[in-house]
PDB file of N, CA and C in Angstrom:
ATOM      1  N   UNK A   1      76.634  99.595 130.937  1.00  0.00           N
ATOM      2  CA  UNK A   1      77.855  98.555 130.367  1.00  0.00           C
ATOM      3  C   UNK A   1      79.109  99.581 129.335  1.00  0.00           C
ATOM      4  N   UNK A   2      78.673 100.292 128.814  1.00  0.00           N
ATOM      5  CA  UNK A   2      79.636 100.155 127.288  1.00  0.00           C
ATOM      6  C   UNK A   2      80.137 101.243 128.393  1.00  0.00           C
ATOM      7  N   UNK A   3      79.885 102.039 128.479  1.00  0.00           N
ATOM      8  CA  UNK A   3      80.281 103.595 129.200  1.00  0.00           C
ATOM      9  C   UNK A   3      81.567 103.107 129.851  1.00  0.00           C
ATOM     10  N   UNK A   4      80.943 102.013 131.346  1.00  0.00           N
ATOM     11  CA  UNK A   4      81.795 101.504 132.326  1.00  0.00           C
ATOM     12  C   UNK A   4      83.207 101.070 131.558  1.00  0.00           C
ATOM     13  N   UNK A   5      83.190 100.374 130.613  1.00  0.00           N
ATOM     14  CA  UNK A   5      83.468  98.971 129.662  1.00  0.00           C
ATOM     15  C   UNK A   5      84.740  99.897 129.221  1.00  0.00           C
ATOM     16  N   UNK A   6      84.300 101.355 128.670  1.00  0.00           N
ATOM     17  CA  UNK A   6      85.531 102.418 128.140  1.00  0.00           C
ATOM     18  C   UNK A   6      86.293 103.371 129.283  1.00  0.00           C
ATOM     19  N   UNK A   7      85.214 103.245 130.337  1.00  0.00           N
ATOM     20  CA  UNK A   7      86.061 104.232 131.499  1.00  0.00           C
ATOM     21  C   UNK A   7      87.656 103.241 131.756  1.00  0.00           C
ATOM     22  N   UNK A   8      86.987 102.440 131.936  1.00  0.00           N
ATOM     23  CA  UNK A   8      87.724 101.022 132.770  1.00  0.00           C
ATOM     24  C   UNK A   8      88.631 101.031 132.012  1.00  0.00           C
ATOM     25  N   UNK A   9      89.159 100.875 130.360  1.00  0.00           N
ATOM     26  CA  UNK A   9      89.877 100.496 129.286  1.00  0.00           C
ATOM     27  C   UNK A   9      90.821 101.932 128.920  1.00  0.00           C
ATOM     28  N   UNK A  10      90.473 103.007 128.987  1.00  0.00           N
ATOM     29  CA  UNK A  10      90.881 104.192 128.447  1.00  0.00           C
ATOM     30  C   UNK A  10      91.379 105.511 129.369  1.00  0.00           C
ATOM     31  N   UNK A  11      90.312 104.963 130.700  1.00  0.00           N
ATOM     32  CA  UNK A  11      90.478 106.976 132.222  1.00  0.00           C
ATOM     33  C   UNK A  11      91.848 105.966 132.273  1.00  0.00           C
ATOM     34  N   UNK A  12      92.606 107.239 132.477  1.00  0.00           N
ATOM     35  CA  UNK A  12      93.989 107.237 133.542  1.00  0.00           C
ATOM     36  C   UNK A  12      93.851 108.367 134.461  1.00  0.00           C
ATOM     37  N   UNK A  13      94.265 108.060 135.348  1.00  0.00           N
ATOM     38  CA  UNK A  13      94.264 108.883 137.081  1.00  0.00           C
ATOM     39  C   UNK A  13      94.957 109.568 137.016  1.00  0.00           C
ATOM     40  N   UNK A  14      94.959 110.944 137.525  1.00  0.00           N
ATOM     41  CA  UNK A  14      96.175 111.955 137.772  1.00  0.00           C
ATOM     42  C   UNK A  14      97.258 111.665 138.627  1.00  0.00           C
ATOM     43  N   UNK A  15      97.576 110.541 139.375  1.00  0.00           N
ATOM     44  CA  UNK A  15      98.228 110.110 139.943  1.00  0.00           C
ATOM     45  C   UNK A  15      98.764 109.466 139.306  1.00  0.00           C
ATOM     46  N   UNK A  16      98.477 108.395 137.728  1.00  0.00           N
ATOM     47  CA  UNK A  16      99.680 108.153 136.922  1.00  0.00           C
ATOM     48  C   UNK A  16      99.832 109.400 135.366  1.00  0.00           C
ATOM     49  N   UNK A  17      99.132 109.799 135.766  1.00  0.00           N
ATOM     50  CA  UNK A  17      99.652 111.485 134.712  1.00  0.00           C
ATOM     51  C   UNK A  17     100.336 111.724 135.283  1.00  0.00           C
ATOM     52  N   UNK A  18     100.746 112.028 136.962  1.00  0.00           N
ATOM     53  CA  UNK A  18     102.330 112.748 137.910  1.00  0.00           C
ATOM     54  C   UNK A  18     103.228 111.847 137.691  1.00  0.00           C
ATOM     55  N   UNK A  19     103.238 110.544 137.749  1.00  0.00           N
ATOM     56  CA  UNK A  19     104.477 109.734 137.507  1.00  0.00           C
ATOM     57  C   UNK A  19     104.952 109.513 136.291  1.00  0.00           C
ATOM     58  N   UNK A  20     104.673 109.665 135.178  1.00  0.00           N
ATOM     59  CA  UNK A  20     104.942 110.095 134.060  1.00  0.00           C
ATOM     60  C   UNK A  20     105.494 111.081 133.741  1.00  0.00           C
ATOM     61  N   UNK A  21     105.097 112.165 134.119  1.00  0.00           N
ATOM     62  CA  UNK A  21     105.411 113.645 134.633  1.00  0.00           C
ATOM     63  C   UNK A  21     107.143 113.143 134.946  1.00  0.00           C
ATOM     64  N   UNK A  22     106.869 112.972 136.484  1.00  0.00           N
ATOM     65  CA  UNK A  22     108.098 112.981 137.532  1.00  0.00           C
ATOM     66  C   UNK A  22     109.061 111.842 137.186  1.00  0.00           C
ATOM     67  N   UNK A  23     108.647 111.083 135.965  1.00  0.00           N
ATOM     68  CA  UNK A  23     109.454 109.942 135.602  1.00  0.00           C
ATOM     69  C   UNK A  23     110.727 110.716 134.718  1.00  0.00           C
ATOM     70  N   UNK A  24     109.866 111.344 133.965  1.00  0.00           N
ATOM     71  CA  UNK A  24     110.677 112.234 132.583  1.00  0.00           C
ATOM     72  C   UNK A  24     111.207 113.883 133.284  1.00  0.00           C
ATOM     73  N   UNK A  25     110.302 114.583 134.318  1.00  0.00           N
ATOM     74  CA  UNK A  25     111.351 115.333 134.484  1.00  0.00           C
ATOM     75  C   UNK A  25     111.808 115.178 136.433  1.00  0.00           C
ATOM     76  N   UNK A  26     112.454 114.544 136.421  1.00  0.00           N
ATOM     77  CA  UNK A  26     111.945 114.471 138.590  1.00  0.00           C
ATOM     78  C   UNK A  26     112.334 116.259 139.083  1.00  0.00           C
ATOM     79  N   UNK A  27     112.851 117.027 138.836  1.00  0.00           N
ATOM     80  CA  UNK A  27     113.284 118.084 139.567  1.00  0.00           C
ATOM     81  C   UNK A  27     111.584 118.987 138.958  1.00  0.00           C
ATOM     82  N   UNK A  28     110.366 118.615 138.801  1.00  0.00           N
ATOM     83  CA  UNK A  28     109.189 119.206 138.596  1.00  0.00           C
ATOM     84  C   UNK A  28     108.712 118.850 139.324  1.00  0.00           C
ATOM     85  N   UNK A  29     107.680 120.664 139.061  1.00  0.00           N
ATOM     86  CA  UNK A  29     105.652 120.539 140.756  1.00  0.00           C
ATOM     87  C   UNK A  29     105.557 120.716 139.606  1.00  0.00           C
ATOM     88  N   UNK A  30     104.201 119.106 140.549  1.00  0.00           N
ATOM     89  CA  UNK A  30     103.589 118.817 139.505  1.00  0.00           C
ATOM     90  C   UNK A  30     101.803 119.276 139.903  1.00  0.00           C
ATOM     91  N   UNK A  31     100.826 119.790 139.663  1.00  0.00           N
ATOM     92  CA  UNK A  31      99.922 120.653 140.061  1.00  0.00           C
ATOM     93  C   UNK A  31      98.830 120.005 138.731  1.00  0.00           C
ATOM     94  N   UNK A  32      97.739 118.825 139.313  1.00  0.00           N
ATOM     95  CA  UNK A  32      96.883 118.220 138.387  1.00  0.00           C
ATOM     96  C   UNK A  32      95.205 117.801 138.926  1.00  0.00           C
ATOM     97  N   UNK A  33      94.575 117.922 138.200  1.00  0.00           N
ATOM     98  CA  UNK A  33      93.496 118.328 138.384  1.00  0.00           C
ATOM     99  C   UNK A  33      92.057 117.836 137.644  1.00  0.00           C
ATOM    100  N   UNK A  34      91.578 117.208 138.247  1.00  0.00           N
ATOM    101  CA  UNK A  34      90.551 116.608 137.108  1.00  0.00           C
ATOM    102  C   UNK A  34      88.980 117.743 136.652  1.00  0.00           C
ATOM    103  N   UNK A  35      88.982 117.600 135.505  1.00  0.00           N
ATOM    104  CA  UNK A  35      88.308 119.043 135.464  1.00  0.00           C
ATOM    105  C   UNK A  35      86.813 118.932 135.526  1.00  0.00           C
ATOM    106  N   UNK A  36      87.089 117.642 135.655  1.00  0.00           N
ATOM    107  CA  UNK A  36      85.124 116.990 135.232  1.00  0.00           C
ATOM    108  C   UNK A  36      84.330 115.653 136.005  1.00  0.00           C
ATOM    109  N   UNK A  37      85.428 115.762 137.020  1.00  0.00           N
ATOM    110  CA  UNK A  37      85.093 114.393 137.918  1.00  0.00           C
ATOM    111  C   UNK A  37      85.335 113.588 137.398  1.00  0.00           C
ATOM    112  N   UNK A  38      85.380 113.775 135.681  1.00  0.00           N
ATOM    113  CA  UNK A  38      85.332 112.409 134.841  1.00  0.00           C
ATOM    114  C   UNK A  38      86.545 111.246 134.780  1.00  0.00           C
ATOM    115  N   UNK A  39      87.183 111.654 135.696  1.00  0.00           N
ATOM    116  CA  UNK A  39      88.915 110.800 134.815  1.00  0.00           C
ATOM    117  C   UNK A  39      89.221 111.129 133.436  1.00  0.00           C
ATOM    118  N   UNK A  40      88.066 111.682 132.734  1.00  0.00           N
ATOM    119  CA  UNK A  40      89.274 111.933 131.596  1.00  0.00           C
ATOM    120  C   UNK A  40      88.961 113.610 131.359  1.00  0.00           C
ATOM    121  N   UNK A  41      89.510 114.283 132.082  1.00  0.00           N
ATOM    122  CA  UNK A  41      88.937 115.846 131.378  1.00  0.00           C
ATOM    123  C   UNK A  41      90.436 116.135 132.724  1.00  0.00           C
ATOM    124  N   UNK A  42      91.224 116.928 132.615  1.00  0.00           N
ATOM    125  CA  UNK A  42      92.174 116.644 133.416  1.00  0.00           C
ATOM    126  C   UNK A  42      92.877 118.514 132.831  1.00  0.00           C
ATOM    127  N   UNK A  43      93.265 119.335 133.594  1.00  0.00           N
ATOM    128  CA  UNK A  43      93.728 120.477 133.635  1.00  0.00           C
ATOM    129  C   UNK A  43      95.747 119.870 134.387  1.00  0.00           C
ATOM    130  N   UNK A  44      96.399 120.429 134.039  1.00  0.00           N
ATOM    131  CA  UNK A  44      97.904 120.391 135.121  1.00  0.00           C
ATOM    132  C   UNK A  44      99.256 121.459 134.419  1.00  0.00           C
ATOM    133  N   UNK A  45      99.635 122.139 135.644  1.00  0.00           N
ATOM    134  CA  UNK A  45     100.490 123.631 135.528  1.00  0.00           C
ATOM    135  C   UNK A  45     102.239 122.715 136.018  1.00  0.00           C
ATOM    136  N   UNK A  46     102.811 122.816 135.158  1.00  0.00           N
ATOM    137  CA  UNK A  46     103.976 121.647 135.627  1.00  0.00           C
ATOM    138  C   UNK A  46     105.200 122.937 135.954  1.00  0.00           C
ATOM    139  N   UNK A  47     105.820 122.887 136.111  1.00  0.00           N
ATOM    140  CA  UNK A  47     106.576 123.951 136.623  1.00  0.00           C
ATOM    141  C   UNK A  47     108.060 123.539 137.271  1.00  0.00           C
ATOM    142  N   UNK A  48     109.218 123.656 136.274  1.00  0.00           N
ATOM    143  CA  UNK A  48     110.148 122.929 136.085  1.00  0.00           C
ATOM    144  C   UNK A  48     112.221 123.164 135.150  1.00  0.00           C
ATOM    145  N   UNK A  49     112.873 123.306 135.830  1.00  0.00           N
ATOM    146  CA  UNK A  49     114.111 124.060 135.533  1.00  0.00           C
ATOM    147  C   UNK A  49     113.999 123.444 134.087  1.00  0.00           C
ATOM    148  N   UNK A  50     113.507 122.502 133.325  1.00  0.00           N
ATOM    149  CA  UNK A  50     113.583 122.015 132.325  1.00  0.00           C
ATOM    150  C   UNK A  50     114.113 122.342 131.304  1.00  0.00           C
ATOM    151  N   UNK A  51     112.756 123.630 131.915  1.00  0.00           N
ATOM    152  CA  UNK A  51     111.878 124.177 130.706  1.00  0.00           C
ATOM    153  C   UNK A  51     113.132 125.214 130.062  1.00  0.00           C
ATOM    154  N   UNK A  52     114.281 125.871 131.244  1.00  0.00           N
ATOM    155  CA  UNK A  52     114.311 127.039 130.797  1.00  0.00           C
ATOM    156  C   UNK A  52     114.655 126.512 129.727  1.00  0.00           C
ATOM    157  N   UNK A  53     115.410 128.260 128.766  1.00  0.00           N
ATOM    158  CA  UNK A  53     115.148 128.500 127.469  1.00  0.00           C
ATOM    159  C   UNK A  53     114.892 127.670 126.688  1.00  0.00           C
ATOM    160  N   UNK A  54     113.681 127.031 126.973  1.00  0.00           N
ATOM    161  CA  UNK A  54     112.693 126.698 124.613  1.00  0.00           C
ATOM    162  C   UNK A  54     111.374 127.483 125.693  1.00  0.00           C
ATOM    163  N   UNK A  55     110.536 127.435 124.721  1.00  0.00           N
ATOM    164  CA  UNK A  55     109.227 127.983 123.857  1.00  0.00           C
ATOM    165  C   UNK A  55     108.758 126.624 125.202  1.00  0.00           C
ATOM    166  N   UNK A  56     106.910 128.037 124.326  1.00  0.00           N
ATOM    167  CA  UNK A  56     105.751 127.199 124.981  1.00  0.00           C
ATOM    168  C   UNK A  56     105.837 125.863 124.404  1.00  0.00           C
ATOM    169  N   UNK A  57     106.217 125.959 123.177  1.00  0.00           N
ATOM    170  CA  UNK A  57     105.759 124.902 122.424  1.00  0.00           C
ATOM    171  C   UNK A  57     106.610 123.642 122.739  1.00  0.00           C
ATOM    172  N   UNK A  58     108.097 123.795 122.696  1.00  0.00           N
ATOM    173  CA  UNK A  58     109.177 122.611 123.398  1.00  0.00           C
ATOM    174  C   UNK A  58     108.265 122.278 124.764  1.00  0.00           C
ATOM    175  N   UNK A  59     108.618 122.520 125.835  1.00  0.00           N
ATOM    176  CA  UNK A  59     108.132 122.487 126.898  1.00  0.00           C
ATOM    177  C   UNK A  59     106.465 121.783 126.864  1.00  0.00           C
ATOM    178  N   UNK A  60     105.065 122.006 126.129  1.00  0.00           N
ATOM    179  CA  UNK A  60     104.531 121.030 125.996  1.00  0.00           C
ATOM    180  C   UNK A  60     104.660 119.585 125.521  1.00  0.00           C
ATOM    181  N   UNK A  61     105.635 119.963 124.205  1.00  0.00           N
ATOM    182  CA  UNK A  61     106.227 118.434 123.828  1.00  0.00           C
ATOM    183  C   UNK A  61     106.650 117.552 124.735  1.00  0.00           C
ATOM    184  N   UNK A  62     107.511 117.838 125.184  1.00  0.00           N
ATOM    185  CA  UNK A  62     108.076 117.883 126.584  1.00  0.00           C
ATOM    186  C   UNK A  62     107.483 116.805 127.501  1.00  0.00           C
ATOM    187  N   UNK A  63     106.123 117.563 127.816  1.00  0.00           N
ATOM    188  CA  UNK A  63     104.842 117.307 128.822  1.00  0.00           C
ATOM    189  C   UNK A  63     104.117 115.930 127.971  1.00  0.00           C
ATOM    190  N   UNK A  64     104.107 115.948 126.902  1.00  0.00           N
ATOM    191  CA  UNK A  64     103.392 115.314 125.195  1.00  0.00           C
ATOM    192  C   UNK A  64     104.155 113.809 125.737  1.00  0.00           C
ATOM    193  N   UNK A  65     105.968 114.259 125.754  1.00  0.00           N
ATOM    194  CA  UNK A  65     106.408 113.342 125.272  1.00  0.00           C
ATOM    195  C   UNK A  65     106.393 111.854 125.760  1.00  0.00           C
ATOM    196  N   UNK A  66     106.682 112.564 127.982  1.00  0.00           N
ATOM    197  CA  UNK A  66     106.411 111.975 128.736  1.00  0.00           C
ATOM    198  C   UNK A  66     105.496 111.402 129.048  1.00  0.00           C
ATOM    199  N   UNK A  67     104.607 111.633 128.302  1.00  0.00           N
ATOM    200  CA  UNK A  67     103.055 110.238 128.147  1.00  0.00           C
ATOM    201  C   UNK A  67     102.916 109.520 127.172  1.00  0.00           C
ATOM    202  N   UNK A  68     104.394 109.033 127.089  1.00  0.00           N
ATOM    203  CA  UNK A  68     103.918 108.256 125.876  1.00  0.00           C
ATOM    204  C   UNK A  68     103.387 107.528 125.591  1.00  0.00           C
ATOM    205  N   UNK A  69     102.494 108.392 124.632  1.00  0.00           N
ATOM    206  CA  UNK A  69     101.545 107.753 123.307  1.00  0.00           C
ATOM    207  C   UNK A  69     100.357 107.702 124.346  1.00  0.00           C
ATOM    208  N   UNK A  70      99.939 108.554 125.829  1.00  0.00           N
ATOM    209  CA  UNK A  70      98.720 107.995 125.829  1.00  0.00           C
ATOM    210  C   UNK A  70      98.430 108.834 126.437  1.00  0.00           C
ATOM    211  N   UNK A  71      98.444 110.185 125.511  1.00  0.00           N
ATOM    212  CA  UNK A  71      96.926 111.730 125.234  1.00  0.00           C
ATOM    213  C   UNK A  71      96.075 111.053 123.929  1.00  0.00           C
ATOM    214  N   UNK A  72      95.882 110.815 123.940  1.00  0.00           N
ATOM    215  CA  UNK A  72      94.538 110.979 122.998  1.00  0.00           C
ATOM    216  C   UNK A  72      94.352 109.390 123.061  1.00  0.00           C
ATOM    217  N   UNK A  73      94.230 108.272 124.389  1.00  0.00           N
ATOM    218  CA  UNK A  73      94.313 107.027 123.651  1.00  0.00           C
ATOM    219  C   UNK A  73      93.920 107.243 125.469  1.00  0.00           C
ATOM    220  N   UNK A  74      94.585 106.422 126.372  1.00  0.00           N
ATOM    221  CA  UNK A  74      94.126 106.584 127.978  1.00  0.00           C
ATOM    222  C   UNK A  74      93.454 107.217 128.709  1.00  0.00           C
ATOM    223  N   UNK A  75      94.118 108.694 127.751  1.00  0.00           N
ATOM    224  CA  UNK A  75      94.260 109.858 128.702  1.00  0.00           C
ATOM    225  C   UNK A  75      93.480 111.121 127.170  1.00  0.00           C
ATOM    226  N   UNK A  76      91.990 111.172 127.397  1.00  0.00           N
ATOM    227  CA  UNK A  76      91.408 111.740 126.483  1.00  0.00           C
ATOM    228  C   UNK A  76      91.252 113.650 126.606  1.00  0.00           C
ATOM    229  N   UNK A  77      91.741 114.621 127.739  1.00  0.00           N
ATOM    230  CA  UNK A  77      91.816 115.518 127.394  1.00  0.00           C
ATOM    231  C   UNK A  77      92.671 116.113 128.657  1.00  0.00           C
ATOM    232  N   UNK A  78      94.171 117.215 128.279  1.00  0.00           N
ATOM    233  CA  UNK A  78      95.572 117.362 129.674  1.00  0.00           C
ATOM    234  C   UNK A  78      95.280 119.047 128.620  1.00  0.00           C
ATOM    235  N   UNK A  79      94.660 119.982 129.726  1.00  0.00           N
ATOM    236  CA  UNK A  79      95.351 121.647 129.515  1.00  0.00           C
ATOM    237  C   UNK A  79      96.437 121.451 130.633  1.00  0.00           C
ATOM    238  N   UNK A  80      97.497 121.914 129.299  1.00  0.00           N
ATOM    239  CA  UNK A  80      98.674 121.842 130.031  1.00  0.00           C
ATOM    240  C   UNK A  80      99.012 123.512 129.787  1.00  0.00           C
ATOM    241  N   UNK A  81      99.996 123.784 130.977  1.00  0.00           N
ATOM    242  CA  UNK A  81     100.424 125.225 131.287  1.00  0.00           C
ATOM    243  C   UNK A  81     101.983 124.341 132.725  1.00  0.00           C
ATOM    244  N   UNK A  82     103.144 125.674 131.470  1.00  0.00           N
ATOM    245  CA  UNK A  82     103.902 125.577 132.296  1.00  0.00           C
ATOM    246  C   UNK A  82     104.703 126.637 131.908  1.00  0.00           C
ATOM    247  N   UNK A  83     105.898 126.363 133.126  1.00  0.00           N
ATOM    248  CA  UNK A  83     107.013 127.430 134.153  1.00  0.00           C
ATOM    249  C   UNK A  83     107.679 127.223 134.216  1.00  0.00           C
ATOM    250  N   UNK A  84     108.898 127.605 134.050  1.00  0.00           N
ATOM    251  CA  UNK A  84     109.964 127.932 134.186  1.00  0.00           C
ATOM    252  C   UNK A  84     110.431 127.845 135.939  1.00  0.00           C
ATOM    253  N   UNK A  85     111.029 127.371 136.031  1.00  0.00           N
ATOM    254  CA  UNK A  85     111.558 127.633 137.753  1.00  0.00           C
ATOM    255  C   UNK A  85     112.540 127.950 138.153  1.00  0.00           C
TER     256      UNK A  85
END
């Protein structure tokens, strides 16, 4: 019961993740996988011309910013790989 309540309050599905990233970077191509099948552990490959000329750290910060504080809250774990287009 406690686990189900936690999942309802904390889980973020991959469509929500994709929407947040797309809202911030409309030109991005996004591939997201649910790594554990639990709705809490994802990996994302984001390709965008917005990353051009930016370091990997800056690119990742752009992705985290797009998630609007949900990382570590509703979104438990997200492995990010960014690519310039």
